[in-house]
Amino acid sequence: MARRMTLNTTVTPMIYSKDAVIRRFLSLGFQENSMYVDSFYDITGGMGSMGIVMKWEEEIFTKFKKEGRNHVLKSPGSEIFNRLMDIARPQEDAVPLVLDSLFVVLGFIPFGGLIGLVAFVFEKYAKGK
């Protein structure tokens, strides 16, 4: 029965790519029931269909990123280069995370569950009366 319901297709189900496939949408925040919402739908839709949003994405996430990386690598004595190298170096004062360090934090989980259970029971019986 299931075999008859499966759609046969010649399209391969997965495309392998080296690049990440990410879609970002242009969004603007307005107050609720704002008179500008409808007019901005047309503006943002036009920007998307004209390719302006794709151009911004390309510049920000590809072009400027590559240019910035090349600029930093060409100036090894700059402040930005030194800061990045400080971040990349392993920290001497770093300690490994062990379970003993988490007992206090993990102890609050059952405490929060207990408070939630008490609130649930109280709400259940308070509504019943």
N, C-alpha and C. Protein backbone atom coordinates (compact mmCIF):
# COMPACT_ATOMS: atom_id res chain seq x y z
N MET A 1 0.82 -1.19 0.00
CA MET A 1 0.00 0.00 0.00
C MET A 1 0.87 1.26 0.00
N ALA A 2 1.90 1.26 0.84
CA ALA A 2 2.75 2.44 0.93
C ALA A 2 3.53 2.66 -0.35
N ARG A 3 3.87 1.58 -1.03
CA ARG A 3 4.63 1.72 -2.26
C ARG A 3 3.80 2.42 -3.34
N ARG A 4 2.50 2.18 -3.34
CA ARG A 4 1.65 2.83 -4.32
C ARG A 4 1.48 4.32 -4.02
N MET A 5 1.65 4.73 -2.76
CA MET A 5 1.46 6.12 -2.37
C MET A 5 2.74 6.94 -2.51
N THR A 6 3.87 6.29 -2.72
CA THR A 6 5.13 7.00 -2.86
C THR A 6 5.25 7.59 -4.25
N LEU A 7 5.66 8.84 -4.32
CA LEU A 7 5.83 9.49 -5.62
C LEU A 7 7.19 9.14 -6.18
N ASN A 8 7.22 8.67 -7.39
CA ASN A 8 8.48 8.38 -8.06
C ASN A 8 8.94 9.64 -8.78
N THR A 9 10.20 9.97 -8.63
CA THR A 9 10.73 11.16 -9.27
C THR A 9 12.14 10.90 -9.74
N THR A 10 12.56 11.64 -10.75
CA THR A 10 13.93 11.49 -11.25
C THR A 10 14.87 12.51 -10.62
N VAL A 11 14.34 13.37 -9.76
CA VAL A 11 15.16 14.39 -9.11
C VAL A 11 15.92 13.75 -7.96
N THR A 12 17.20 14.05 -7.86
CA THR A 12 17.97 13.53 -6.74
C THR A 12 17.56 14.25 -5.47
N PRO A 13 17.45 13.55 -4.36
CA PRO A 13 16.92 14.18 -3.15
C PRO A 13 17.90 15.12 -2.45
N MET A 14 19.17 15.10 -2.78
CA MET A 14 20.13 15.92 -2.08
C MET A 14 21.13 16.49 -3.07
N ILE A 15 21.47 17.74 -2.86
CA ILE A 15 22.48 18.39 -3.67
C ILE A 15 23.67 18.69 -2.77
N TYR A 16 24.84 18.24 -3.14
CA TYR A 16 26.03 18.47 -2.33
C TYR A 16 26.69 19.77 -2.78
N SER A 17 27.05 20.59 -1.83
CA SER A 17 27.65 21.88 -2.15
C SER A 17 28.66 22.23 -1.07
N LYS A 18 29.69 22.99 -1.44
CA LYS A 18 30.66 23.45 -0.46
C LYS A 18 30.16 24.67 0.29
N ASP A 19 29.25 25.41 -0.31
CA ASP A 19 28.73 26.62 0.30
C ASP A 19 27.51 26.29 1.16
N ALA A 20 27.35 27.07 2.21
CA ALA A 20 26.17 26.92 3.06
C ALA A 20 24.97 27.56 2.37
N VAL A 21 23.84 26.92 2.51
CA VAL A 21 22.62 27.46 1.91
C VAL A 21 21.86 28.16 3.03
N ILE A 22 21.88 29.48 2.99
CA ILE A 22 21.22 30.27 4.03
C ILE A 22 20.38 31.33 3.34
N ARG A 23 19.17 31.50 3.78
CA ARG A 23 18.30 32.53 3.23
C ARG A 23 17.99 33.53 4.33
N ARG A 24 18.30 34.78 4.08
CA ARG A 24 18.01 35.83 5.04
C ARG A 24 16.93 36.72 4.46
N PHE A 25 16.00 37.11 5.28
CA PHE A 25 14.91 37.94 4.81
C PHE A 25 15.08 39.36 5.35
N LEU A 26 14.66 40.31 4.56
CA LEU A 26 14.68 41.70 4.97
C LEU A 26 13.46 41.94 5.85
N SER A 27 13.68 42.47 7.03
CA SER A 27 12.54 42.72 7.91
C SER A 27 12.69 44.09 8.57
N LEU A 28 11.58 44.72 8.77
CA LEU A 28 11.52 46.02 9.42
C LEU A 28 10.49 45.94 10.53
N GLY A 29 10.75 46.62 11.63
CA GLY A 29 9.82 46.60 12.74
C GLY A 29 8.93 47.83 12.76
N PHE A 30 7.64 47.63 12.91
CA PHE A 30 6.69 48.72 13.00
C PHE A 30 5.81 48.50 14.22
N GLN A 31 5.17 49.57 14.66
CA GLN A 31 4.20 49.44 15.74
C GLN A 31 2.99 48.69 15.23
N GLU A 32 2.25 48.10 16.15
CA GLU A 32 1.07 47.36 15.76
C GLU A 32 0.05 48.31 15.11
N ASN A 33 -0.58 47.87 14.05
CA ASN A 33 -1.57 48.63 13.29
C ASN A 33 -0.99 49.93 12.71
N SER A 34 0.27 49.91 12.34
CA SER A 34 0.90 51.09 11.75
C SER A 34 0.39 51.29 10.33
N MET A 35 0.22 52.57 9.93
CA MET A 35 -0.27 52.85 8.59
C MET A 35 0.79 52.65 7.52
N TYR A 36 2.04 52.44 7.92
CA TYR A 36 3.14 52.30 6.97
C TYR A 36 3.40 50.85 6.56
N VAL A 37 2.77 49.90 7.20
CA VAL A 37 3.08 48.49 6.95
C VAL A 37 2.79 48.11 5.50
N ASP A 38 1.62 48.46 5.00
CA ASP A 38 1.25 48.05 3.63
C ASP A 38 2.17 48.67 2.58
N SER A 39 2.52 49.93 2.76
CA SER A 39 3.39 50.55 1.77
C SER A 39 4.80 49.97 1.82
N PHE A 40 5.26 49.55 2.99
CA PHE A 40 6.59 48.97 3.08
C PHE A 40 6.64 47.54 2.56
N TYR A 41 5.49 46.86 2.51
CA TYR A 41 5.47 45.55 1.85
C TYR A 41 5.90 45.70 0.40
N ASP A 42 5.37 46.72 -0.26
CA ASP A 42 5.72 46.95 -1.66
C ASP A 42 7.19 47.33 -1.80
N ILE A 43 7.69 48.16 -0.89
CA ILE A 43 9.08 48.61 -0.97
C ILE A 43 10.04 47.45 -0.75
N THR A 44 9.84 46.67 0.31
CA THR A 44 10.75 45.55 0.59
C THR A 44 10.62 44.46 -0.46
N GLY A 45 9.40 44.24 -0.98
CA GLY A 45 9.23 43.25 -2.04
C GLY A 45 9.96 43.68 -3.30
N GLY A 46 9.89 44.98 -3.62
CA GLY A 46 10.61 45.49 -4.78
C GLY A 46 12.11 45.38 -4.61
N MET A 47 12.61 45.66 -3.40
CA MET A 47 14.05 45.53 -3.16
C MET A 47 14.50 44.09 -3.33
N GLY A 48 13.68 43.17 -2.89
CA GLY A 48 14.03 41.76 -3.05
C GLY A 48 13.99 41.32 -4.50
N SER A 49 12.97 41.74 -5.23
CA SER A 49 12.85 41.30 -6.61
C SER A 49 13.88 41.97 -7.53
N MET A 50 14.35 43.17 -7.18
CA MET A 50 15.38 43.84 -7.98
C MET A 50 16.78 43.31 -7.69
N GLY A 51 16.92 42.53 -6.64
CA GLY A 51 18.23 41.96 -6.32
C GLY A 51 19.06 42.79 -5.37
N ILE A 52 18.48 43.83 -4.78
CA ILE A 52 19.25 44.67 -3.86
C ILE A 52 19.62 43.90 -2.61
N VAL A 53 18.68 43.11 -2.11
CA VAL A 53 18.95 42.34 -0.89
C VAL A 53 20.04 41.31 -1.16
N MET A 54 20.00 40.66 -2.31
CA MET A 54 21.04 39.69 -2.66
C MET A 54 22.40 40.37 -2.80
N LYS A 55 22.42 41.60 -3.34
CA LYS A 55 23.66 42.35 -3.47
C LYS A 55 24.23 42.67 -2.09
N TRP A 56 23.37 43.08 -1.15
CA TRP A 56 23.83 43.35 0.22
C TRP A 56 24.42 42.10 0.84
N GLU A 57 23.70 40.98 0.67
CA GLU A 57 24.20 39.73 1.24
C GLU A 57 25.55 39.36 0.65
N GLU A 58 25.68 39.51 -0.66
CA GLU A 58 26.94 39.17 -1.31
C GLU A 58 28.07 40.06 -0.81
N GLU A 59 27.80 41.36 -0.69
CA GLU A 59 28.84 42.27 -0.22
C GLU A 59 29.21 41.99 1.23
N ILE A 60 28.24 41.84 2.07
CA ILE A 60 28.51 41.69 3.50
C ILE A 60 29.16 40.35 3.79
N PHE A 61 28.59 39.28 3.26
CA PHE A 61 29.03 37.95 3.65
C PHE A 61 30.12 37.36 2.76
N THR A 62 30.40 37.98 1.63
CA THR A 62 31.43 37.44 0.76
C THR A 62 32.54 38.45 0.49
N LYS A 63 32.18 39.53 -0.16
CA LYS A 63 33.17 40.49 -0.62
C LYS A 63 33.90 41.17 0.54
N PHE A 64 33.15 41.77 1.47
CA PHE A 64 33.78 42.50 2.57
C PHE A 64 34.53 41.55 3.51
N LYS A 65 34.03 40.35 3.65
CA LYS A 65 34.69 39.37 4.51
C LYS A 65 36.05 38.98 3.93
N LYS A 66 36.11 38.74 2.63
CA LYS A 66 37.38 38.38 1.99
C LYS A 66 38.35 39.56 2.00
N GLU A 67 37.84 40.76 1.69
CA GLU A 67 38.70 41.93 1.69
C GLU A 67 39.25 42.22 3.08
N GLY A 68 38.42 42.08 4.09
CA GLY A 68 38.87 42.31 5.46
C GLY A 68 39.90 41.29 5.89
N ARG A 69 39.69 40.04 5.53
CA ARG A 69 40.67 39.00 5.88
C ARG A 69 42.01 39.27 5.22
N ASN A 70 41.98 39.62 3.94
CA ASN A 70 43.23 39.92 3.24
C ASN A 70 43.92 41.14 3.83
N HIS A 71 43.15 42.15 4.22
CA HIS A 71 43.72 43.36 4.81
C HIS A 71 44.41 43.04 6.14
N VAL A 72 43.76 42.23 6.96
CA VAL A 72 44.34 41.87 8.26
C VAL A 72 45.60 41.03 8.07
N LEU A 73 45.58 40.09 7.14
CA LEU A 73 46.75 39.23 6.93
C LEU A 73 47.93 40.00 6.34
N LYS A 74 47.66 41.08 5.59
CA LYS A 74 48.75 41.88 5.01
C LYS A 74 49.39 42.82 6.03
N SER A 75 48.74 43.05 7.15
CA SER A 75 49.28 43.97 8.16
C SER A 75 49.46 43.23 9.49
N PRO A 76 50.54 42.41 9.60
CA PRO A 76 50.71 41.59 10.79
C PRO A 76 51.01 42.37 12.07
N GLY A 77 51.41 43.61 12.00
CA GLY A 77 51.70 44.35 13.22
C GLY A 77 50.54 45.21 13.71
N SER A 78 49.39 45.14 13.04
CA SER A 78 48.28 46.02 13.39
C SER A 78 47.60 45.57 14.67
N GLU A 79 46.80 46.47 15.22
CA GLU A 79 46.11 46.18 16.48
C GLU A 79 45.09 45.06 16.31
N ILE A 80 44.37 45.07 15.20
CA ILE A 80 43.37 44.03 14.95
C ILE A 80 44.05 42.67 14.81
N PHE A 81 45.16 42.60 14.09
CA PHE A 81 45.88 41.35 13.91
C PHE A 81 46.33 40.81 15.26
N ASN A 82 46.88 41.69 16.11
CA ASN A 82 47.35 41.26 17.43
C ASN A 82 46.21 40.77 18.31
N ARG A 83 45.08 41.45 18.24
CA ARG A 83 43.92 40.99 19.02
C ARG A 83 43.45 39.62 18.56
N LEU A 84 43.38 39.42 17.25
CA LEU A 84 42.96 38.12 16.72
C LEU A 84 43.93 37.02 17.11
N MET A 85 45.22 37.33 17.12
CA MET A 85 46.21 36.33 17.53
C MET A 85 46.08 36.01 19.02
N ASP A 86 45.75 37.02 19.82
CA ASP A 86 45.53 36.77 21.25
C ASP A 86 44.34 35.85 21.47
N ILE A 87 43.30 36.02 20.67
CA ILE A 87 42.13 35.15 20.78
C ILE A 87 42.47 33.74 20.33
N ALA A 88 43.29 33.61 19.31
CA ALA A 88 43.62 32.30 18.74
C ALA A 88 44.57 31.50 19.63
N ARG A 89 45.39 32.19 20.45
CA ARG A 89 46.31 31.47 21.32
C ARG A 89 45.57 30.78 22.45
N PRO A 90 46.02 29.59 22.83
CA PRO A 90 45.38 28.93 23.98
C PRO A 90 45.65 29.73 25.26
N GLN A 91 44.64 29.80 26.10
CA GLN A 91 44.75 30.56 27.35
C GLN A 91 45.43 29.69 28.41
N GLU A 92 46.42 30.29 29.11
CA GLU A 92 47.14 29.53 30.14
C GLU A 92 46.30 29.33 31.39
N ASP A 93 45.43 30.28 31.70
CA ASP A 93 44.66 30.19 32.94
C ASP A 93 43.33 29.46 32.75
N ALA A 94 43.08 28.91 31.58
CA ALA A 94 41.83 28.19 31.34
C ALA A 94 41.88 26.83 32.03
N VAL A 95 40.76 26.46 32.64
CA VAL A 95 40.65 25.16 33.30
C VAL A 95 39.58 24.35 32.58
N PRO A 96 39.74 23.04 32.55
CA PRO A 96 38.73 22.22 31.88
C PRO A 96 37.42 22.19 32.67
N LEU A 97 36.32 22.05 31.97
CA LEU A 97 35.02 21.97 32.60
C LEU A 97 34.80 20.54 33.07
N VAL A 98 34.55 20.39 34.35
CA VAL A 98 34.31 19.06 34.92
C VAL A 98 32.92 19.06 35.57
N LEU A 99 32.40 17.88 35.81
CA LEU A 99 31.06 17.75 36.36
C LEU A 99 30.97 18.33 37.77
N ASP A 100 32.05 18.28 38.53
CA ASP A 100 32.02 18.83 39.88
C ASP A 100 31.72 20.33 39.88
N SER A 101 32.11 21.01 38.82
CA SER A 101 31.85 22.45 38.73
C SER A 101 30.38 22.75 38.47
N LEU A 102 29.64 21.77 37.98
CA LEU A 102 28.25 22.00 37.59
C LEU A 102 27.23 21.56 38.63
N PHE A 103 27.66 20.96 39.75
CA PHE A 103 26.70 20.45 40.72
C PHE A 103 25.79 21.54 41.27
N VAL A 104 26.30 22.70 41.53
CA VAL A 104 25.47 23.78 42.08
C VAL A 104 24.44 24.22 41.05
N VAL A 105 24.89 24.39 39.82
CA VAL A 105 23.97 24.83 38.77
C VAL A 105 22.93 23.76 38.49
N LEU A 106 23.36 22.52 38.37
CA LEU A 106 22.42 21.44 38.11
C LEU A 106 21.50 21.17 39.28
N GLY A 107 21.89 21.60 40.48
CA GLY A 107 21.04 21.45 41.65
C GLY A 107 19.80 22.31 41.59
N PHE A 108 19.84 23.39 40.83
CA PHE A 108 18.69 24.27 40.72
C PHE A 108 17.60 23.69 39.82
N ILE A 109 17.92 22.75 38.99
CA ILE A 109 16.93 22.17 38.07
C ILE A 109 15.84 21.43 38.83
N PRO A 110 16.15 20.51 39.74
CA PRO A 110 15.07 19.88 40.50
C PRO A 110 14.31 20.87 41.38
N PHE A 111 15.01 21.88 41.89
CA PHE A 111 14.36 22.91 42.70
C PHE A 111 13.33 23.67 41.86
N GLY A 112 13.69 24.03 40.63
CA GLY A 112 12.75 24.69 39.73
C GLY A 112 11.59 23.79 39.35
N GLY A 113 11.87 22.51 39.15
CA GLY A 113 10.80 21.55 38.86
C GLY A 113 9.83 21.41 40.01
N LEU A 114 10.36 21.42 41.22
CA LEU A 114 9.51 21.33 42.41
C LEU A 114 8.61 22.56 42.54
N ILE A 115 9.18 23.73 42.29
CA ILE A 115 8.38 24.96 42.34
C ILE A 115 7.29 24.92 41.26
N GLY A 116 7.63 24.46 40.07
CA GLY A 116 6.65 24.34 39.01
C GLY A 116 5.55 23.36 39.34
N LEU A 117 5.90 22.23 39.97
CA LEU A 117 4.90 21.24 40.37
C LEU A 117 3.96 21.80 41.42
N VAL A 118 4.50 22.51 42.40
CA VAL A 118 3.67 23.11 43.44
C VAL A 118 2.73 24.15 42.82
N ALA A 119 3.23 24.97 41.91
CA ALA A 119 2.39 25.97 41.26
C ALA A 119 1.30 25.30 40.42
N PHE A 120 1.64 24.20 39.75
CA PHE A 120 0.66 23.48 38.94
C PHE A 120 -0.45 22.92 39.81
N VAL A 121 -0.08 22.27 40.90
CA VAL A 121 -1.08 21.68 41.81
C VAL A 121 -1.94 22.78 42.42
N PHE A 122 -1.32 23.87 42.85
CA PHE A 122 -2.07 24.98 43.44
C PHE A 122 -3.05 25.57 42.43
N GLU A 123 -2.61 25.73 41.19
CA GLU A 123 -3.49 26.29 40.16
C GLU A 123 -4.63 25.33 39.83
N LYS A 124 -4.33 24.04 39.82
CA LYS A 124 -5.34 23.05 39.50
C LYS A 124 -6.44 23.04 40.55
N TYR A 125 -6.06 23.08 41.85
CA TYR A 125 -7.05 23.05 42.91
C TYR A 125 -7.70 24.40 43.12
N ALA A 126 -7.02 25.49 42.82
CA ALA A 126 -7.62 26.81 42.97
C ALA A 126 -8.71 27.03 41.94
N LYS A 127 -8.55 26.52 40.72
CA LYS A 127 -9.58 26.66 39.69
C LYS A 127 -10.75 25.75 39.96
N GLY A 128 -10.50 24.64 40.61
CA GLY A 128 -11.57 23.68 40.88
C GLY A 128 -12.55 24.16 41.92
N LYS A 129 -12.16 25.06 42.76
CA LYS A 129 -13.05 25.51 43.84
C LYS A 129 -13.82 26.73 43.48
